[in-house]
Amino acid sequence: VLLQASGGGRVQPGRSLRLSCTVSGLTLDYYDIAWYRQISGKERELVSSITSDLNTKYAESVKGRFTIDRFGAGRTATVYLQMNALMPEDTAVYYCRAISMARAYWGQGTQVTVSS
């Protein structure tokens, strides 16, 4: 099982980033894929999720700014998190997670820093 996250970086407020999470080694029809973030000193929180039939959810703090999308099927997929109008409070380590009824897997984090 592999979840590989990428796309983080440092940007100025108001700019955009796109995170990618490539998932392989799972029967992905049974898995939702989610993005979480952990702000320094705080608990990890759900940012957005997408089911295998492309139903999406967003945290209130990112609605209208972030978009999640999912491509692929079978045992490989890539999930993108398009982040627009970034704000300093979006600064965090972002993690992707594959979730089924039975188990869940985490990917490694990717740092997003929004600063002028």
N, C-alpha and C. Protein backbone atom coordinates (compact mmCIF):
# COMPACT_ATOMS: atom_id res chain seq x y z
N VAL A 1 0.86 -1.18 0.00
CA VAL A 1 0.00 0.00 0.00
C VAL A 1 0.89 1.23 0.00
N LEU A 2 0.59 2.15 -0.90
CA LEU A 2 1.42 3.35 -0.99
C LEU A 2 0.53 4.56 -1.17
N LEU A 3 0.71 5.55 -0.33
CA LEU A 3 0.08 6.85 -0.50
C LEU A 3 1.20 7.87 -0.55
N GLN A 4 1.34 8.49 -1.68
CA GLN A 4 2.45 9.42 -1.87
C GLN A 4 1.90 10.81 -2.12
N ALA A 5 2.13 11.71 -1.16
CA ALA A 5 1.65 13.08 -1.25
C ALA A 5 2.76 13.99 -1.74
N SER A 6 2.38 14.99 -2.53
CA SER A 6 3.35 15.95 -3.03
C SER A 6 2.64 17.25 -3.35
N GLY A 7 3.43 18.29 -3.66
CA GLY A 7 2.86 19.55 -4.11
C GLY A 7 2.90 20.68 -3.11
N GLY A 8 3.36 20.40 -1.91
CA GLY A 8 3.44 21.46 -0.93
C GLY A 8 4.52 22.47 -1.27
N GLY A 9 4.54 23.56 -0.52
CA GLY A 9 5.54 24.58 -0.74
C GLY A 9 5.20 25.83 0.02
N ARG A 10 5.91 26.88 -0.30
CA ARG A 10 5.70 28.19 0.34
C ARG A 10 5.13 29.14 -0.70
N VAL A 11 4.00 29.77 -0.36
CA VAL A 11 3.39 30.73 -1.27
C VAL A 11 2.93 31.95 -0.48
N GLN A 12 2.66 33.01 -1.20
CA GLN A 12 2.15 34.23 -0.58
C GLN A 12 0.64 34.12 -0.40
N PRO A 13 0.07 34.85 0.51
CA PRO A 13 -1.39 34.85 0.68
C PRO A 13 -2.08 35.22 -0.63
N GLY A 14 -3.19 34.53 -0.89
CA GLY A 14 -3.95 34.77 -2.10
C GLY A 14 -3.56 33.90 -3.27
N ARG A 15 -2.42 33.23 -3.16
CA ARG A 15 -1.95 32.38 -4.25
C ARG A 15 -2.54 30.98 -4.13
N SER A 16 -2.14 30.12 -5.07
CA SER A 16 -2.70 28.77 -5.14
C SER A 16 -1.61 27.71 -5.08
N LEU A 17 -2.01 26.54 -4.65
CA LEU A 17 -1.18 25.33 -4.72
C LEU A 17 -2.08 24.16 -5.05
N ARG A 18 -1.51 23.15 -5.67
CA ARG A 18 -2.25 21.91 -5.89
C ARG A 18 -1.46 20.76 -5.28
N LEU A 19 -2.10 20.09 -4.36
CA LEU A 19 -1.51 18.90 -3.75
C LEU A 19 -1.97 17.66 -4.51
N SER A 20 -1.09 16.68 -4.56
CA SER A 20 -1.40 15.40 -5.20
C SER A 20 -1.17 14.27 -4.22
N CYS A 21 -2.03 13.28 -4.28
CA CYS A 21 -1.85 12.06 -3.50
C CYS A 21 -2.06 10.87 -4.44
N THR A 22 -1.02 10.15 -4.69
CA THR A 22 -1.12 8.96 -5.52
C THR A 22 -1.26 7.75 -4.62
N VAL A 23 -2.31 7.00 -4.82
CA VAL A 23 -2.63 5.85 -3.98
C VAL A 23 -2.52 4.59 -4.82
N SER A 24 -1.85 3.59 -4.32
CA SER A 24 -1.74 2.33 -5.05
C SER A 24 -1.70 1.17 -4.07
N GLY A 25 -2.06 0.01 -4.58
CA GLY A 25 -2.02 -1.19 -3.77
C GLY A 25 -3.28 -1.49 -3.00
N LEU A 26 -4.35 -0.74 -3.25
CA LEU A 26 -5.63 -0.97 -2.60
C LEU A 26 -6.70 -1.18 -3.65
N THR A 27 -7.76 -1.89 -3.28
CA THR A 27 -8.94 -1.97 -4.16
C THR A 27 -9.74 -0.70 -3.92
N LEU A 28 -9.52 0.28 -4.75
CA LEU A 28 -9.93 1.64 -4.42
C LEU A 28 -11.43 1.87 -4.50
N ASP A 29 -12.17 0.95 -5.09
CA ASP A 29 -13.64 1.08 -5.06
C ASP A 29 -14.17 1.11 -3.63
N TYR A 30 -13.41 0.59 -2.70
CA TYR A 30 -13.88 0.50 -1.32
C TYR A 30 -13.35 1.62 -0.44
N TYR A 31 -12.60 2.54 -1.02
CA TYR A 31 -11.91 3.54 -0.19
C TYR A 31 -12.32 4.97 -0.55
N ASP A 32 -12.63 5.72 0.50
CA ASP A 32 -12.66 7.17 0.37
C ASP A 32 -11.21 7.66 0.52
N ILE A 33 -10.92 8.76 -0.13
CA ILE A 33 -9.61 9.40 0.02
C ILE A 33 -9.82 10.78 0.61
N ALA A 34 -9.05 11.10 1.61
CA ALA A 34 -9.24 12.36 2.32
C ALA A 34 -7.92 13.09 2.47
N TRP A 35 -8.04 14.40 2.58
CA TRP A 35 -6.91 15.25 2.96
C TRP A 35 -7.16 15.77 4.37
N TYR A 36 -6.16 15.63 5.20
CA TYR A 36 -6.16 16.19 6.55
C TYR A 36 -5.01 17.20 6.62
N ARG A 37 -5.06 18.04 7.62
CA ARG A 37 -3.93 18.92 7.89
C ARG A 37 -3.72 19.03 9.38
N GLN A 38 -2.47 19.28 9.70
CA GLN A 38 -2.12 19.47 11.11
C GLN A 38 -1.34 20.77 11.23
N ILE A 39 -1.98 21.70 11.90
CA ILE A 39 -1.35 22.97 12.20
C ILE A 39 -0.51 22.78 13.44
N SER A 40 0.64 23.39 13.48
CA SER A 40 1.55 23.22 14.60
C SER A 40 0.85 23.46 15.93
N GLY A 41 0.96 22.48 16.82
CA GLY A 41 0.37 22.61 18.14
C GLY A 41 -1.09 22.23 18.22
N LYS A 42 -1.68 21.82 17.10
CA LYS A 42 -3.10 21.46 17.10
C LYS A 42 -3.28 20.03 16.60
N GLU A 43 -4.48 19.53 16.80
CA GLU A 43 -4.79 18.19 16.34
C GLU A 43 -5.00 18.17 14.82
N ARG A 44 -4.78 17.01 14.26
CA ARG A 44 -5.01 16.84 12.83
C ARG A 44 -6.49 17.00 12.53
N GLU A 45 -6.82 17.70 11.46
CA GLU A 45 -8.22 17.95 11.13
C GLU A 45 -8.50 17.59 9.68
N LEU A 46 -9.74 17.19 9.45
CA LEU A 46 -10.17 16.84 8.09
C LEU A 46 -10.36 18.11 7.27
N VAL A 47 -9.77 18.12 6.09
CA VAL A 47 -9.92 19.25 5.18
C VAL A 47 -10.98 18.94 4.12
N SER A 48 -10.86 17.77 3.51
CA SER A 48 -11.76 17.42 2.42
C SER A 48 -11.67 15.93 2.17
N SER A 49 -12.74 15.37 1.62
CA SER A 49 -12.73 13.95 1.28
C SER A 49 -13.53 13.72 0.01
N ILE A 50 -13.24 12.58 -0.62
CA ILE A 50 -13.95 12.22 -1.84
C ILE A 50 -14.13 10.72 -1.86
N THR A 51 -15.35 10.29 -2.18
CA THR A 51 -15.64 8.87 -2.22
C THR A 51 -15.27 8.29 -3.60
N SER A 52 -15.39 6.98 -3.71
CA SER A 52 -15.08 6.35 -4.99
C SER A 52 -16.07 6.74 -6.08
N ASP A 53 -17.28 7.17 -5.68
CA ASP A 53 -18.23 7.66 -6.69
C ASP A 53 -18.30 9.18 -6.70
N LEU A 54 -17.22 9.80 -6.24
CA LEU A 54 -16.93 11.22 -6.41
C LEU A 54 -17.82 12.16 -5.60
N ASN A 55 -18.38 11.67 -4.50
CA ASN A 55 -19.05 12.57 -3.58
C ASN A 55 -17.99 13.25 -2.72
N THR A 56 -18.15 14.55 -2.52
CA THR A 56 -17.12 15.32 -1.83
C THR A 56 -17.65 15.99 -0.57
N LYS A 57 -16.73 16.24 0.35
CA LYS A 57 -17.02 16.98 1.57
C LYS A 57 -15.87 17.94 1.81
N TYR A 58 -16.19 19.07 2.46
CA TYR A 58 -15.19 20.09 2.76
C TYR A 58 -15.40 20.62 4.17
N ALA A 59 -14.30 20.94 4.82
CA ALA A 59 -14.39 21.68 6.06
C ALA A 59 -14.92 23.08 5.75
N GLU A 60 -15.64 23.64 6.71
CA GLU A 60 -16.22 24.98 6.50
C GLU A 60 -15.14 26.00 6.17
N SER A 61 -13.99 25.84 6.76
CA SER A 61 -12.92 26.84 6.61
C SER A 61 -12.34 26.87 5.20
N VAL A 62 -12.58 25.84 4.40
CA VAL A 62 -12.00 25.80 3.06
C VAL A 62 -13.04 25.80 1.96
N LYS A 63 -14.30 25.74 2.31
CA LYS A 63 -15.36 25.73 1.29
C LYS A 63 -15.26 26.95 0.40
N GLY A 64 -15.38 26.72 -0.91
CA GLY A 64 -15.29 27.82 -1.86
C GLY A 64 -13.88 28.15 -2.27
N ARG A 65 -12.89 27.63 -1.56
CA ARG A 65 -11.49 27.90 -1.90
C ARG A 65 -10.76 26.65 -2.36
N PHE A 66 -11.08 25.52 -1.77
CA PHE A 66 -10.40 24.25 -2.07
C PHE A 66 -11.33 23.37 -2.88
N THR A 67 -10.75 22.60 -3.78
CA THR A 67 -11.49 21.64 -4.58
C THR A 67 -10.75 20.31 -4.60
N ILE A 68 -11.46 19.24 -4.31
CA ILE A 68 -10.86 17.91 -4.34
C ILE A 68 -11.35 17.19 -5.58
N ASP A 69 -10.47 16.41 -6.18
CA ASP A 69 -10.85 15.63 -7.36
C ASP A 69 -10.06 14.33 -7.36
N ARG A 70 -10.61 13.38 -8.07
CA ARG A 70 -10.05 12.02 -7.99
C ARG A 70 -10.05 11.42 -9.39
N PHE A 71 -8.92 10.82 -9.75
CA PHE A 71 -8.79 10.20 -11.06
C PHE A 71 -8.19 8.82 -10.87
N GLY A 72 -8.71 7.88 -11.64
CA GLY A 72 -8.19 6.52 -11.58
C GLY A 72 -9.18 5.59 -10.92
N ALA A 73 -8.92 4.31 -11.06
CA ALA A 73 -9.79 3.28 -10.49
C ALA A 73 -8.96 2.00 -10.35
N GLY A 74 -9.63 0.96 -9.92
CA GLY A 74 -8.90 -0.29 -9.73
C GLY A 74 -7.99 -0.19 -8.53
N ARG A 75 -6.70 -0.30 -8.76
CA ARG A 75 -5.76 -0.30 -7.65
C ARG A 75 -4.82 0.90 -7.68
N THR A 76 -5.11 1.88 -8.52
CA THR A 76 -4.29 3.10 -8.55
C THR A 76 -5.17 4.30 -8.80
N ALA A 77 -4.96 5.36 -8.03
CA ALA A 77 -5.70 6.60 -8.23
C ALA A 77 -4.85 7.76 -7.76
N THR A 78 -5.17 8.92 -8.29
CA THR A 78 -4.55 10.15 -7.83
C THR A 78 -5.65 11.10 -7.41
N VAL A 79 -5.48 11.66 -6.24
CA VAL A 79 -6.45 12.62 -5.70
C VAL A 79 -5.74 13.96 -5.59
N TYR A 80 -6.37 14.97 -6.12
CA TYR A 80 -5.80 16.31 -6.09
C TYR A 80 -6.57 17.19 -5.11
N LEU A 81 -5.88 18.08 -4.49
CA LEU A 81 -6.50 19.12 -3.68
C LEU A 81 -6.02 20.45 -4.24
N GLN A 82 -6.91 21.11 -4.98
CA GLN A 82 -6.61 22.44 -5.51
C GLN A 82 -6.94 23.46 -4.44
N MET A 83 -5.94 24.21 -4.05
CA MET A 83 -6.11 25.18 -2.96
C MET A 83 -5.92 26.57 -3.51
N ASN A 84 -7.00 27.34 -3.53
CA ASN A 84 -6.95 28.71 -4.03
C ASN A 84 -7.14 29.71 -2.89
N ALA A 85 -6.80 30.94 -3.16
CA ALA A 85 -6.98 32.01 -2.16
C ALA A 85 -6.41 31.60 -0.81
N LEU A 86 -5.20 31.10 -0.83
CA LEU A 86 -4.59 30.59 0.41
C LEU A 86 -4.39 31.70 1.41
N MET A 87 -4.54 31.35 2.66
CA MET A 87 -4.42 32.29 3.77
C MET A 87 -3.34 31.78 4.73
N PRO A 88 -2.76 32.64 5.52
CA PRO A 88 -1.74 32.19 6.48
C PRO A 88 -2.25 31.08 7.39
N GLU A 89 -3.53 31.11 7.72
CA GLU A 89 -4.06 30.06 8.60
C GLU A 89 -4.19 28.71 7.92
N ASP A 90 -3.92 28.64 6.62
CA ASP A 90 -3.87 27.35 5.93
C ASP A 90 -2.50 26.69 6.08
N THR A 91 -1.57 27.38 6.68
CA THR A 91 -0.24 26.82 6.90
C THR A 91 -0.33 25.58 7.78
N ALA A 92 0.17 24.47 7.28
CA ALA A 92 0.06 23.20 8.00
C ALA A 92 0.81 22.14 7.23
N VAL A 93 0.96 20.99 7.85
CA VAL A 93 1.39 19.79 7.14
C VAL A 93 0.11 19.08 6.67
N TYR A 94 0.04 18.80 5.40
CA TYR A 94 -1.14 18.17 4.79
C TYR A 94 -0.85 16.70 4.55
N TYR A 95 -1.82 15.86 4.94
CA TYR A 95 -1.69 14.41 4.81
C TYR A 95 -2.85 13.86 4.00
N CYS A 96 -2.60 12.84 3.19
CA CYS A 96 -3.70 12.14 2.58
C CYS A 96 -3.93 10.82 3.31
N ARG A 97 -5.16 10.35 3.20
CA ARG A 97 -5.56 9.15 3.93
C ARG A 97 -6.55 8.38 3.09
N ALA A 98 -6.40 7.08 3.05
CA ALA A 98 -7.34 6.18 2.38
C ALA A 98 -8.14 5.48 3.46
N ILE A 99 -9.46 5.52 3.35
CA ILE A 99 -10.34 5.06 4.42
C ILE A 99 -11.39 4.11 3.87
N SER A 100 -11.49 2.92 4.48
CA SER A 100 -12.57 2.00 4.14
C SER A 100 -13.33 1.68 5.42
N MET A 101 -14.32 0.81 5.31
CA MET A 101 -15.07 0.40 6.50
C MET A 101 -14.16 -0.34 7.48
N ALA A 102 -13.14 -1.02 6.93
CA ALA A 102 -12.34 -1.91 7.78
C ALA A 102 -11.04 -1.28 8.26
N ARG A 103 -10.44 -0.40 7.47
CA ARG A 103 -9.11 0.11 7.82
C ARG A 103 -8.84 1.43 7.15
N ALA A 104 -7.73 2.01 7.57
CA ALA A 104 -7.32 3.29 7.00
C ALA A 104 -5.80 3.32 6.91
N TYR A 105 -5.32 4.06 5.92
CA TYR A 105 -3.88 4.21 5.70
C TYR A 105 -3.55 5.69 5.54
N TRP A 106 -2.44 6.07 6.13
CA TRP A 106 -1.95 7.43 6.01
C TRP A 106 -0.79 7.49 5.04
N GLY A 107 -0.72 8.62 4.33
CA GLY A 107 0.48 8.93 3.57
C GLY A 107 1.38 9.84 4.39
N GLN A 108 2.53 10.13 3.82
CA GLN A 108 3.43 11.07 4.50
C GLN A 108 2.91 12.48 4.30
N GLY A 109 3.31 13.40 5.09
CA GLY A 109 2.83 14.77 4.98
C GLY A 109 3.59 15.59 3.97
N THR A 110 2.96 16.68 3.56
CA THR A 110 3.62 17.66 2.71
C THR A 110 3.33 19.04 3.31
N GLN A 111 4.38 19.81 3.48
CA GLN A 111 4.26 21.10 4.18
C GLN A 111 3.74 22.17 3.23
N VAL A 112 2.75 22.89 3.71
CA VAL A 112 2.24 24.07 3.01
C VAL A 112 2.45 25.27 3.92
N THR A 113 3.13 26.27 3.43
CA THR A 113 3.38 27.48 4.20
C THR A 113 2.88 28.67 3.39
N VAL A 114 1.99 29.43 4.02
CA VAL A 114 1.43 30.62 3.38
C VAL A 114 1.91 31.83 4.16
N SER A 115 2.76 32.60 3.52
CA SER A 115 3.38 33.70 4.24
C SER A 115 3.83 34.77 3.25
N SER A 116 3.72 36.01 3.69
CA SER A 116 4.21 37.10 2.85
C SER A 116 5.66 37.39 3.17
